[in-house]
Amino acid sequence: MGMFYRTIRMVDNGIKPVYVFDGKPPSMKGGELAKRTEKRAQAQEAL
């Protein structure tokens, strides 16, 4: 829903969007991804 309507909004304003999707994360990002996993575990417990 978000992708459809907000893309329509841009196009309706004369913008030509091109979306860029992530590929594989660089190996150096492993530490940051591990932190995010830890935060998700904490959020799951709090939930």
ModelCIF file with pLDDT and N, C-alpha, C, O atoms, coordinates in Angstrom:
data_MODEL
#
_entry.id   MODEL 
#
_entity.id                         1 
_entity.type                       polymer 
_entity.pdbx_number_of_molecules   1 
#
_entity_poly.entity_id                      1 
_entity_poly.type                           'polypeptide(L)' 
_entity_poly.nstd_linkage                   no 
_entity_poly.nstd_monomer                   no 
_entity_poly.pdbx_seq_one_letter_code       MGMFYRTIRMVDNGIKPVYVFDGKPPSMKGGELAKRTEKRAQAQEAL 
_entity_poly.pdbx_seq_one_letter_code_can   MGMFYRTIRMVDNGIKPVYVFDGKPPSMKGGELAKRTEKRAQAQEAL 
_entity_poly.pdbx_strand_id                 A 
#
loop_
_entity_poly_seq.entity_id 
_entity_poly_seq.num 
_entity_poly_seq.mon_id 
_entity_poly_seq.hetero 
1 1  MET n 
1 2  GLY n 
1 3  MET n 
1 4  PHE n 
1 5  TYR n 
1 6  ARG n 
1 7  THR n 
1 8  ILE n 
1 9  ARG n 
1 10 MET n 
1 11 VAL n 
1 12 ASP n 
1 13 ASN n 
1 14 GLY n 
1 15 ILE n 
1 16 LYS n 
1 17 PRO n 
1 18 VAL n 
1 19 TYR n 
1 20 VAL n 
1 21 PHE n 
1 22 ASP n 
1 23 GLY n 
1 24 LYS n 
1 25 PRO n 
1 26 PRO n 
1 27 SER n 
1 28 MET n 
1 29 LYS n 
1 30 GLY n 
1 31 GLY n 
1 32 GLU n 
1 33 LEU n 
1 34 ALA n 
1 35 LYS n 
1 36 ARG n 
1 37 THR n 
1 38 GLU n 
1 39 LYS n 
1 40 ARG n 
1 41 ALA n 
1 42 GLN n 
1 43 ALA n 
1 44 GLN n 
1 45 GLU n 
1 46 ALA n 
1 47 LEU n 
#
_struct_asym.id          A 
_struct_asym.entity_id   1 
#
loop_
_ma_qa_metric.id 
_ma_qa_metric.mode 
_ma_qa_metric.name 
_ma_qa_metric.software_group_id 
_ma_qa_metric.type 
1 global pLDDT . pLDDT 
2 local  pLDDT . pLDDT 
#
_ma_qa_metric_global.metric_id      1 
_ma_qa_metric_global.metric_value   81.09 
_ma_qa_metric_global.model_id       1 
_ma_qa_metric_global.ordinal_id     1 
#
loop_
_ma_qa_metric_local.label_asym_id 
_ma_qa_metric_local.label_comp_id 
_ma_qa_metric_local.label_seq_id 
_ma_qa_metric_local.metric_id 
_ma_qa_metric_local.metric_value 
_ma_qa_metric_local.model_id 
_ma_qa_metric_local.ordinal_id 
A MET 1  2 92.00 1 1  
A GLY 2  2 92.00 1 2  
A MET 3  2 96.00 1 3  
A PHE 4  2 96.00 1 4  
A TYR 5  2 94.00 1 5  
A ARG 6  2 94.00 1 6  
A THR 7  2 96.00 1 7  
A ILE 8  2 96.00 1 8  
A ARG 9  2 94.00 1 9  
A MET 10 2 95.00 1 10 
A VAL 11 2 95.00 1 11 
A ASP 12 2 93.00 1 12 
A ASN 13 2 93.00 1 13 
A GLY 14 2 93.00 1 14 
A ILE 15 2 95.00 1 15 
A LYS 16 2 96.00 1 16 
A PRO 17 2 97.00 1 17 
A VAL 18 2 98.00 1 18 
A TYR 19 2 98.00 1 19 
A VAL 20 2 98.00 1 20 
A PHE 21 2 98.00 1 21 
A ASP 22 2 96.00 1 22 
A GLY 23 2 95.00 1 23 
A LYS 24 2 92.00 1 24 
A PRO 25 2 85.00 1 25 
A PRO 26 2 79.00 1 26 
A SER 27 2 71.00 1 27 
A MET 28 2 67.00 1 28 
A LYS 29 2 64.00 1 29 
A GLY 30 2 52.00 1 30 
A GLY 31 2 60.00 1 31 
A GLU 32 2 57.00 1 32 
A LEU 33 2 55.00 1 33 
A ALA 34 2 62.00 1 34 
A LYS 35 2 66.00 1 35 
A ARG 36 2 63.00 1 36 
A THR 37 2 67.00 1 37 
A GLU 38 2 70.00 1 38 
A LYS 39 2 68.00 1 39 
A ARG 40 2 65.00 1 40 
A ALA 41 2 72.00 1 41 
A GLN 42 2 72.00 1 42 
A ALA 43 2 65.00 1 43 
A GLN 44 2 68.00 1 44 
A GLU 45 2 71.00 1 45 
A ALA 46 2 70.00 1 46 
A LEU 47 2 60.00 1 47 
#
loop_
_atom_site.group_PDB 
_atom_site.id 
_atom_site.type_symbol 
_atom_site.label_atom_id 
_atom_site.label_alt_id 
_atom_site.label_comp_id 
_atom_site.label_asym_id 
_atom_site.label_entity_id 
_atom_site.label_seq_id 
_atom_site.pdbx_PDB_ins_code 
_atom_site.Cartn_x 
_atom_site.Cartn_y 
_atom_site.Cartn_z 
_atom_site.occupancy 
_atom_site.B_iso_or_equiv 
_atom_site.pdbx_formal_charge 
_atom_site.auth_seq_id 
_atom_site.auth_comp_id 
_atom_site.auth_asym_id 
_atom_site.auth_atom_id 
_atom_site.pdbx_PDB_model_num 
ATOM 1   N N  . MET A 1 1  ? 0.832  -1.196 0.000   1.00 92.00 ? 1  MET A N  1 
ATOM 2   C CA . MET A 1 1  ? 0.000  0.000  0.000   1.00 92.00 ? 1  MET A CA 1 
ATOM 3   C C  . MET A 1 1  ? 0.873  1.254  0.000   1.00 92.00 ? 1  MET A C  1 
ATOM 4   O O  . MET A 1 1  ? 0.633  2.188  -0.766  1.00 92.00 ? 1  MET A O  1 
ATOM 5   N N  . GLY A 1 2  ? 1.895  1.267  0.872   1.00 92.00 ? 2  GLY A N  1 
ATOM 6   C CA . GLY A 1 2  ? 2.788  2.419  0.931   1.00 92.00 ? 2  GLY A CA 1 
ATOM 7   C C  . GLY A 1 2  ? 3.516  2.632  -0.385  1.00 92.00 ? 2  GLY A C  1 
ATOM 8   O O  . GLY A 1 2  ? 3.602  3.758  -0.876  1.00 92.00 ? 2  GLY A O  1 
ATOM 9   N N  . MET A 1 3  ? 4.041  1.555  -0.959  1.00 96.00 ? 3  MET A N  1 
ATOM 10  C CA . MET A 1 3  ? 4.788  1.652  -2.213  1.00 96.00 ? 3  MET A CA 1 
ATOM 11  C C  . MET A 1 3  ? 3.884  2.170  -3.338  1.00 96.00 ? 3  MET A C  1 
ATOM 12  O O  . MET A 1 3  ? 4.304  3.006  -4.139  1.00 96.00 ? 3  MET A O  1 
ATOM 13  N N  . PHE A 1 4  ? 2.661  1.679  -3.396  1.00 96.00 ? 4  PHE A N  1 
ATOM 14  C CA . PHE A 1 4  ? 1.756  2.070  -4.476  1.00 96.00 ? 4  PHE A CA 1 
ATOM 15  C C  . PHE A 1 4  ? 1.353  3.538  -4.366  1.00 96.00 ? 4  PHE A C  1 
ATOM 16  O O  . PHE A 1 4  ? 1.550  4.311  -5.304  1.00 96.00 ? 4  PHE A O  1 
ATOM 17  N N  . TYR A 1 5  ? 0.793  3.920  -3.228  1.00 94.00 ? 5  TYR A N  1 
ATOM 18  C CA . TYR A 1 5  ? 0.227  5.258  -3.114  1.00 94.00 ? 5  TYR A CA 1 
ATOM 19  C C  . TYR A 1 5  ? 1.291  6.357  -3.053  1.00 94.00 ? 5  TYR A C  1 
ATOM 20  O O  . TYR A 1 5  ? 1.083  7.442  -3.596  1.00 94.00 ? 5  TYR A O  1 
ATOM 21  N N  . ARG A 1 6  ? 2.403  6.096  -2.412  1.00 94.00 ? 6  ARG A N  1 
ATOM 22  C CA . ARG A 1 6  ? 3.412  7.150  -2.316  1.00 94.00 ? 6  ARG A CA 1 
ATOM 23  C C  . ARG A 1 6  ? 4.210  7.285  -3.609  1.00 94.00 ? 6  ARG A C  1 
ATOM 24  O O  . ARG A 1 6  ? 4.744  8.353  -3.910  1.00 94.00 ? 6  ARG A O  1 
ATOM 25  N N  . THR A 1 7  ? 4.288  6.193  -4.371  1.00 96.00 ? 7  THR A N  1 
ATOM 26  C CA . THR A 1 7  ? 4.881  6.301  -5.704  1.00 96.00 ? 7  THR A CA 1 
ATOM 27  C C  . THR A 1 7  ? 3.941  7.072  -6.623  1.00 96.00 ? 7  THR A C  1 
ATOM 28  O O  . THR A 1 7  ? 4.381  7.902  -7.418  1.00 96.00 ? 7  THR A O  1 
ATOM 29  N N  . ILE A 1 8  ? 2.638  6.791  -6.509  1.00 96.00 ? 8  ILE A N  1 
ATOM 30  C CA . ILE A 1 8  ? 1.636  7.529  -7.288  1.00 96.00 ? 8  ILE A CA 1 
ATOM 31  C C  . ILE A 1 8  ? 1.736  9.021  -6.970  1.00 96.00 ? 8  ILE A C  1 
ATOM 32  O O  . ILE A 1 8  ? 1.660  9.858  -7.870  1.00 96.00 ? 8  ILE A O  1 
ATOM 33  N N  . ARG A 1 9  ? 1.904  9.347  -5.702  1.00 94.00 ? 9  ARG A N  1 
ATOM 34  C CA . ARG A 1 9  ? 2.003  10.755 -5.296  1.00 94.00 ? 9  ARG A CA 1 
ATOM 35  C C  . ARG A 1 9  ? 3.196  11.433 -5.975  1.00 94.00 ? 9  ARG A C  1 
ATOM 36  O O  . ARG A 1 9  ? 3.084  12.562 -6.453  1.00 94.00 ? 9  ARG A O  1 
ATOM 37  N N  . MET A 1 10 ? 4.333  10.741 -6.014  1.00 95.00 ? 10 MET A N  1 
ATOM 38  C CA . MET A 1 10 ? 5.511  11.313 -6.663  1.00 95.00 ? 10 MET A CA 1 
ATOM 39  C C  . MET A 1 10 ? 5.277  11.497 -8.159  1.00 95.00 ? 10 MET A C  1 
ATOM 40  O O  . MET A 1 10 ? 5.563  12.554 -8.723  1.00 95.00 ? 10 MET A O  1 
ATOM 41  N N  . VAL A 1 11 ? 4.755  10.457 -8.785  1.00 95.00 ? 11 VAL A N  1 
ATOM 42  C CA . VAL A 1 11 ? 4.504  10.512 -10.229 1.00 95.00 ? 11 VAL A CA 1 
ATOM 43  C C  . VAL A 1 11 ? 3.494  11.609 -10.551 1.00 95.00 ? 11 VAL A C  1 
ATOM 44  O O  . VAL A 1 11 ? 3.624  12.308 -11.556 1.00 95.00 ? 11 VAL A O  1 
ATOM 45  N N  . ASP A 1 12 ? 2.492  11.751 -9.696  1.00 93.00 ? 12 ASP A N  1 
ATOM 46  C CA . ASP A 1 12 ? 1.467  12.773 -9.892  1.00 93.00 ? 12 ASP A CA 1 
ATOM 47  C C  . ASP A 1 12 ? 2.057  14.178 -9.826  1.00 93.00 ? 12 ASP A C  1 
ATOM 48  O O  . ASP A 1 12 ? 1.501  15.120 -10.390 1.00 93.00 ? 12 ASP A O  1 
ATOM 49  N N  . ASN A 1 13 ? 3.186  14.311 -9.134  1.00 93.00 ? 13 ASN A N  1 
ATOM 50  C CA . ASN A 1 13 ? 3.879  15.594 -9.034  1.00 93.00 ? 13 ASN A CA 1 
ATOM 51  C C  . ASN A 1 13 ? 4.984  15.742 -10.082 1.00 93.00 ? 13 ASN A C  1 
ATOM 52  O O  . ASN A 1 13 ? 5.814  16.647 -10.000 1.00 93.00 ? 13 ASN A O  1 
ATOM 53  N N  . GLY A 1 14 ? 4.981  14.840 -11.070 1.00 93.00 ? 14 GLY A N  1 
ATOM 54  C CA . GLY A 1 14 ? 5.934  14.967 -12.171 1.00 93.00 ? 14 GLY A CA 1 
ATOM 55  C C  . GLY A 1 14 ? 7.309  14.397 -11.906 1.00 93.00 ? 14 GLY A C  1 
ATOM 56  O O  . GLY A 1 14 ? 8.236  14.645 -12.676 1.00 93.00 ? 14 GLY A O  1 
ATOM 57  N N  . ILE A 1 15 ? 7.463  13.628 -10.818 1.00 95.00 ? 15 ILE A N  1 
ATOM 58  C CA . ILE A 1 15 ? 8.757  13.021 -10.479 1.00 95.00 ? 15 ILE A CA 1 
ATOM 59  C C  . ILE A 1 15 ? 8.872  11.662 -11.162 1.00 95.00 ? 15 ILE A C  1 
ATOM 60  O O  . ILE A 1 15 ? 7.885  10.939 -11.289 1.00 95.00 ? 15 ILE A O  1 
ATOM 61  N N  . LYS A 1 16 ? 10.073 11.323 -11.596 1.00 96.00 ? 16 LYS A N  1 
ATOM 62  C CA . LYS A 1 16 ? 10.333 9.997  -12.178 1.00 96.00 ? 16 LYS A CA 1 
ATOM 63  C C  . LYS A 1 16 ? 11.210 9.225  -11.194 1.00 96.00 ? 16 LYS A C  1 
ATOM 64  O O  . LYS A 1 16 ? 12.433 9.370  -11.205 1.00 96.00 ? 16 LYS A O  1 
ATOM 65  N N  . PRO A 1 17 ? 10.585 8.400  -10.336 1.00 97.00 ? 17 PRO A N  1 
ATOM 66  C CA . PRO A 1 17 ? 11.363 7.671  -9.328  1.00 97.00 ? 17 PRO A CA 1 
ATOM 67  C C  . PRO A 1 17 ? 11.995 6.398  -9.884  1.00 97.00 ? 17 PRO A C  1 
ATOM 68  O O  . PRO A 1 17 ? 11.445 5.755  -10.778 1.00 97.00 ? 17 PRO A O  1 
ATOM 69  N N  . VAL A 1 18 ? 13.149 6.050  -9.344  1.00 98.00 ? 18 VAL A N  1 
ATOM 70  C CA . VAL A 1 18 ? 13.752 4.744  -9.590  1.00 98.00 ? 18 VAL A CA 1 
ATOM 71  C C  . VAL A 1 18 ? 14.155 4.195  -8.217  1.00 98.00 ? 18 VAL A C  1 
ATOM 72  O O  . VAL A 1 18 ? 14.896 4.845  -7.479  1.00 98.00 ? 18 VAL A O  1 
ATOM 73  N N  . TYR A 1 19 ? 13.676 3.027  -7.886  1.00 98.00 ? 19 TYR A N  1 
ATOM 74  C CA . TYR A 1 19 ? 13.958 2.429  -6.575  1.00 98.00 ? 19 TYR A CA 1 
ATOM 75  C C  . TYR A 1 19 ? 15.222 1.573  -6.647  1.00 98.00 ? 19 TYR A C  1 
ATOM 76  O O  . TYR A 1 19 ? 15.449 0.853  -7.620  1.00 98.00 ? 19 TYR A O  1 
ATOM 77  N N  . VAL A 1 20 ? 16.034 1.667  -5.606  1.00 98.00 ? 20 VAL A N  1 
ATOM 78  C CA . VAL A 1 20 ? 17.278 0.909  -5.541  1.00 98.00 ? 20 VAL A CA 1 
ATOM 79  C C  . VAL A 1 20 ? 17.229 -0.016 -4.326  1.00 98.00 ? 20 VAL A C  1 
ATOM 80  O O  . VAL A 1 20 ? 17.061 0.438  -3.195  1.00 98.00 ? 20 VAL A O  1 
ATOM 81  N N  . PHE A 1 21 ? 17.379 -1.320 -4.574  1.00 98.00 ? 21 PHE A N  1 
ATOM 82  C CA . PHE A 1 21 ? 17.287 -2.325 -3.524  1.00 98.00 ? 21 PHE A CA 1 
ATOM 83  C C  . PHE A 1 21 ? 18.676 -2.767 -3.076  1.00 98.00 ? 21 PHE A C  1 
ATOM 84  O O  . PHE A 1 21 ? 19.600 -2.880 -3.882  1.00 98.00 ? 21 PHE A O  1 
ATOM 85  N N  . ASP A 1 22 ? 18.804 -3.012 -1.782  1.00 96.00 ? 22 ASP A N  1 
ATOM 86  C CA . ASP A 1 22 ? 20.067 -3.497 -1.218  1.00 96.00 ? 22 ASP A CA 1 
ATOM 87  C C  . ASP A 1 22 ? 20.444 -4.850 -1.798  1.00 96.00 ? 22 ASP A C  1 
ATOM 88  O O  . ASP A 1 22 ? 19.584 -5.675 -2.107  1.00 96.00 ? 22 ASP A O  1 
ATOM 89  N N  . GLY A 1 23 ? 21.758 -5.064 -1.942  1.00 95.00 ? 23 GLY A N  1 
ATOM 90  C CA . GLY A 1 23 ? 22.286 -6.377 -2.268  1.00 95.00 ? 23 GLY A CA 1 
ATOM 91  C C  . GLY A 1 23 ? 22.821 -7.012 -0.991  1.00 95.00 ? 23 GLY A C  1 
ATOM 92  O O  . GLY A 1 23 ? 22.266 -6.810 0.089   1.00 95.00 ? 23 GLY A O  1 
ATOM 93  N N  . LYS A 1 24 ? 23.889 -7.770 -1.117  1.00 92.00 ? 24 LYS A N  1 
ATOM 94  C CA . LYS A 1 24 ? 24.476 -8.389 0.077   1.00 92.00 ? 24 LYS A CA 1 
ATOM 95  C C  . LYS A 1 24 ? 25.172 -7.319 0.910   1.00 92.00 ? 24 LYS A C  1 
ATOM 96  O O  . LYS A 1 24 ? 25.808 -6.424 0.354   1.00 92.00 ? 24 LYS A O  1 
ATOM 97  N N  . PRO A 1 25 ? 25.058 -7.397 2.259   1.00 85.00 ? 25 PRO A N  1 
ATOM 98  C CA . PRO A 1 25 ? 25.755 -6.412 3.085   1.00 85.00 ? 25 PRO A CA 1 
ATOM 99  C C  . PRO A 1 25 ? 27.251 -6.687 3.090   1.00 85.00 ? 25 PRO A C  1 
ATOM 100 O O  . PRO A 1 25 ? 27.657 -7.847 3.029   1.00 85.00 ? 25 PRO A O  1 
ATOM 101 N N  . PRO A 1 26 ? 28.089 -5.641 3.162   1.00 79.00 ? 26 PRO A N  1 
ATOM 102 C CA . PRO A 1 26 ? 29.533 -5.875 3.247   1.00 79.00 ? 26 PRO A CA 1 
ATOM 103 C C  . PRO A 1 26 ? 29.864 -6.600 4.541   1.00 79.00 ? 26 PRO A C  1 
ATOM 104 O O  . PRO A 1 26 ? 29.177 -6.425 5.547   1.00 79.00 ? 26 PRO A O  1 
ATOM 105 N N  . SER A 1 27 ? 30.906 -7.408 4.521   1.00 71.00 ? 27 SER A N  1 
ATOM 106 C CA . SER A 1 27 ? 31.272 -8.197 5.707   1.00 71.00 ? 27 SER A CA 1 
ATOM 107 C C  . SER A 1 27 ? 31.537 -7.304 6.917   1.00 71.00 ? 27 SER A C  1 
ATOM 108 O O  . SER A 1 27 ? 31.316 -7.716 8.056   1.00 71.00 ? 27 SER A O  1 
ATOM 109 N N  . MET A 1 28 ? 32.009 -6.087 6.673   1.00 67.00 ? 28 MET A N  1 
ATOM 110 C CA . MET A 1 28 ? 32.308 -5.172 7.780   1.00 67.00 ? 28 MET A CA 1 
ATOM 111 C C  . MET A 1 28 ? 31.058 -4.720 8.516   1.00 67.00 ? 28 MET A C  1 
ATOM 112 O O  . MET A 1 28 ? 31.147 -4.200 9.628   1.00 67.00 ? 28 MET A O  1 
ATOM 113 N N  . LYS A 1 29 ? 29.898 -4.912 7.909   1.00 64.00 ? 29 LYS A N  1 
ATOM 114 C CA . LYS A 1 29 ? 28.655 -4.477 8.536   1.00 64.00 ? 29 LYS A CA 1 
ATOM 115 C C  . LYS A 1 29 ? 28.147 -5.501 9.542   1.00 64.00 ? 29 LYS A C  1 
ATOM 116 O O  . LYS A 1 29 ? 27.119 -5.293 10.187  1.00 64.00 ? 29 LYS A O  1 
ATOM 117 N N  . GLY A 1 30 ? 28.872 -6.601 9.673   1.00 52.00 ? 30 GLY A N  1 
ATOM 118 C CA . GLY A 1 30 ? 28.444 -7.676 10.563  1.00 52.00 ? 30 GLY A CA 1 
ATOM 119 C C  . GLY A 1 30 ? 28.234 -7.215 11.993  1.00 52.00 ? 30 GLY A C  1 
ATOM 120 O O  . GLY A 1 30 ? 27.287 -7.644 12.653  1.00 52.00 ? 30 GLY A O  1 
ATOM 121 N N  . GLY A 1 31 ? 29.112 -6.342 12.479  1.00 60.00 ? 31 GLY A N  1 
ATOM 122 C CA . GLY A 1 31 ? 28.996 -5.846 13.848  1.00 60.00 ? 31 GLY A CA 1 
ATOM 123 C C  . GLY A 1 31 ? 27.723 -5.051 14.056  1.00 60.00 ? 31 GLY A C  1 
ATOM 124 O O  . GLY A 1 31 ? 27.048 -5.207 15.073  1.00 60.00 ? 31 GLY A O  1 
ATOM 125 N N  . GLU A 1 32 ? 27.392 -4.204 13.103  1.00 57.00 ? 32 GLU A N  1 
ATOM 126 C CA . GLU A 1 32 ? 26.177 -3.407 13.190  1.00 57.00 ? 32 GLU A CA 1 
ATOM 127 C C  . GLU A 1 32 ? 24.944 -4.302 13.110  1.00 57.00 ? 32 GLU A C  1 
ATOM 128 O O  . GLU A 1 32 ? 23.972 -4.083 13.833  1.00 57.00 ? 32 GLU A O  1 
ATOM 129 N N  . LEU A 1 33 ? 24.975 -5.300 12.244  1.00 55.00 ? 33 LEU A N  1 
ATOM 130 C CA . LEU A 1 33 ? 23.841 -6.215 12.122  1.00 55.00 ? 33 LEU A CA 1 
ATOM 131 C C  . LEU A 1 33 ? 23.660 -7.027 13.399  1.00 55.00 ? 33 LEU A C  1 
ATOM 132 O O  . LEU A 1 33 ? 22.535 -7.328 13.795  1.00 55.00 ? 33 LEU A O  1 
ATOM 133 N N  . ALA A 1 34 ? 24.768 -7.378 14.039  1.00 62.00 ? 34 ALA A N  1 
ATOM 134 C CA . ALA A 1 34 ? 24.693 -8.110 15.313  1.00 62.00 ? 34 ALA A CA 1 
ATOM 135 C C  . ALA A 1 34 ? 24.051 -7.243 16.397  1.00 62.00 ? 34 ALA A C  1 
ATOM 136 O O  . ALA A 1 34 ? 23.278 -7.735 17.219  1.00 62.00 ? 34 ALA A O  1 
ATOM 137 N N  . LYS A 1 35 ? 24.379 -5.949 16.389  1.00 66.00 ? 35 LYS A N  1 
ATOM 138 C CA . LYS A 1 35 ? 23.772 -5.023 17.354  1.00 66.00 ? 35 LYS A CA 1 
ATOM 139 C C  . LYS A 1 35 ? 22.265 -4.931 17.126  1.00 66.00 ? 35 LYS A C  1 
ATOM 140 O O  . LYS A 1 35 ? 21.484 -4.895 18.076  1.00 66.00 ? 35 LYS A O  1 
ATOM 141 N N  . ARG A 1 36 ? 21.875 -4.893 15.871  1.00 63.00 ? 36 ARG A N  1 
ATOM 142 C CA . ARG A 1 36 ? 20.452 -4.808 15.552  1.00 63.00 ? 36 ARG A CA 1 
ATOM 143 C C  . ARG A 1 36 ? 19.714 -6.064 15.996  1.00 63.00 ? 36 ARG A C  1 
ATOM 144 O O  . ARG A 1 36 ? 18.583 -5.990 16.476  1.00 63.00 ? 36 ARG A O  1 
ATOM 145 N N  . THR A 1 37 ? 20.359 -7.218 15.835  1.00 67.00 ? 37 THR A N  1 
ATOM 146 C CA . THR A 1 37 ? 19.756 -8.481 16.275  1.00 67.00 ? 37 THR A CA 1 
ATOM 147 C C  . THR A 1 37 ? 19.567 -8.484 17.779  1.00 67.00 ? 37 THR A C  1 
ATOM 148 O O  . THR A 1 37 ? 18.551 -8.959 18.287  1.00 67.00 ? 37 THR A O  1 
ATOM 149 N N  . GLU A 1 38 ? 20.559 -7.947 18.495  1.00 70.00 ? 38 GLU A N  1 
ATOM 150 C CA . GLU A 1 38 ? 20.477 -7.871 19.957  1.00 70.00 ? 38 GLU A CA 1 
ATOM 151 C C  . GLU A 1 38 ? 19.336 -6.945 20.386  1.00 70.00 ? 38 GLU A C  1 
ATOM 152 O O  . GLU A 1 38 ? 18.599 -7.242 21.326  1.00 70.00 ? 38 GLU A O  1 
ATOM 153 N N  . LYS A 1 39 ? 19.206 -5.820 19.679  1.00 68.00 ? 39 LYS A N  1 
ATOM 154 C CA . LYS A 1 39 ? 18.138 -4.870 20.002  1.00 68.00 ? 39 LYS A CA 1 
ATOM 155 C C  . LYS A 1 39 ? 16.766 -5.474 19.724  1.00 68.00 ? 39 LYS A C  1 
ATOM 156 O O  . LYS A 1 39 ? 15.804 -5.210 20.444  1.00 68.00 ? 39 LYS A O  1 
ATOM 157 N N  . ARG A 1 40 ? 16.686 -6.287 18.673  1.00 65.00 ? 40 ARG A N  1 
ATOM 158 C CA . ARG A 1 40 ? 15.419 -6.949 18.366  1.00 65.00 ? 40 ARG A CA 1 
ATOM 159 C C  . ARG A 1 40 ? 15.040 -7.944 19.454  1.00 65.00 ? 40 ARG A C  1 
ATOM 160 O O  . ARG A 1 40 ? 13.870 -8.080 19.810  1.00 65.00 ? 40 ARG A O  1 
ATOM 161 N N  . ALA A 1 41 ? 16.047 -8.636 19.976  1.00 72.00 ? 41 ALA A N  1 
ATOM 162 C CA . ALA A 1 41 ? 15.800 -9.592 21.060  1.00 72.00 ? 41 ALA A CA 1 
ATOM 163 C C  . ALA A 1 41 ? 15.288 -8.865 22.307  1.00 72.00 ? 41 ALA A C  1 
ATOM 164 O O  . ALA A 1 41 ? 14.392 -9.348 22.999  1.00 72.00 ? 41 ALA A O  1 
ATOM 165 N N  . GLN A 1 42 ? 15.873 -7.700 22.576  1.00 72.00 ? 42 GLN A N  1 
ATOM 166 C CA . GLN A 1 42 ? 15.435 -6.902 23.722  1.00 72.00 ? 42 GLN A CA 1 
ATOM 167 C C  . GLN A 1 42 ? 14.004 -6.405 23.518  1.00 72.00 ? 42 GLN A C  1 
ATOM 168 O O  . GLN A 1 42 ? 13.195 -6.401 24.446  1.00 72.00 ? 42 GLN A O  1 
ATOM 169 N N  . ALA A 1 43 ? 13.707 -5.982 22.274  1.00 65.00 ? 43 ALA A N  1 
ATOM 170 C CA . ALA A 1 43 ? 12.359 -5.502 21.968  1.00 65.00 ? 43 ALA A CA 1 
ATOM 171 C C  . ALA A 1 43 ? 11.338 -6.627 22.086  1.00 65.00 ? 43 ALA A C  1 
ATOM 172 O O  . ALA A 1 43 ? 10.214 -6.408 22.538  1.00 65.00 ? 43 ALA A O  1 
ATOM 173 N N  . GLN A 1 44 ? 11.734 -7.837 21.676  1.00 68.00 ? 44 GLN A N  1 
ATOM 174 C CA . GLN A 1 44 ? 10.839 -8.991 21.765  1.00 68.00 ? 44 GLN A CA 1 
ATOM 175 C C  . GLN A 1 44 ? 10.507 -9.296 23.226  1.00 68.00 ? 44 GLN A C  1 
ATOM 176 O O  . GLN A 1 44 ? 9.366  -9.616 23.561  1.00 68.00 ? 44 GLN A O  1 
ATOM 177 N N  . GLU A 1 45 ? 11.518 -9.192 24.087  1.00 71.00 ? 45 GLU A N  1 
ATOM 178 C CA . GLU A 1 45 ? 11.314 -9.427 25.520  1.00 71.00 ? 45 GLU A CA 1 
ATOM 179 C C  . GLU A 1 45 ? 10.406 -8.353 26.116  1.00 71.00 ? 45 GLU A C  1 
ATOM 180 O O  . GLU A 1 45 ? 9.516  -8.648 26.914  1.00 71.00 ? 45 GLU A O  1 
ATOM 181 N N  . ALA A 1 46 ? 10.647 -7.084 25.710  1.00 70.00 ? 46 ALA A N  1 
ATOM 182 C CA . ALA A 1 46 ? 9.827  -5.979 26.209  1.00 70.00 ? 46 ALA A CA 1 
ATOM 183 C C  . ALA A 1 46 ? 8.390  -6.099 25.713  1.00 70.00 ? 46 ALA A C  1 
ATOM 184 O O  . ALA A 1 46 ? 7.452  -5.752 26.430  1.00 70.00 ? 46 ALA A O  1 
ATOM 185 N N  . LEU A 1 47 ? 8.216  -6.589 24.492  1.00 60.00 ? 47 LEU A N  1 
ATOM 186 C CA . LEU A 1 47 ? 6.879  -6.770 23.929  1.00 60.00 ? 47 LEU A CA 1 
ATOM 187 C C  . LEU A 1 47 ? 6.095  -7.811 24.726  1.00 60.00 ? 47 LEU A C  1 
ATOM 188 O O  . LEU A 1 47 ? 4.943  -8.098 24.400  1.00 60.00 ? 47 LEU A O  1 
#
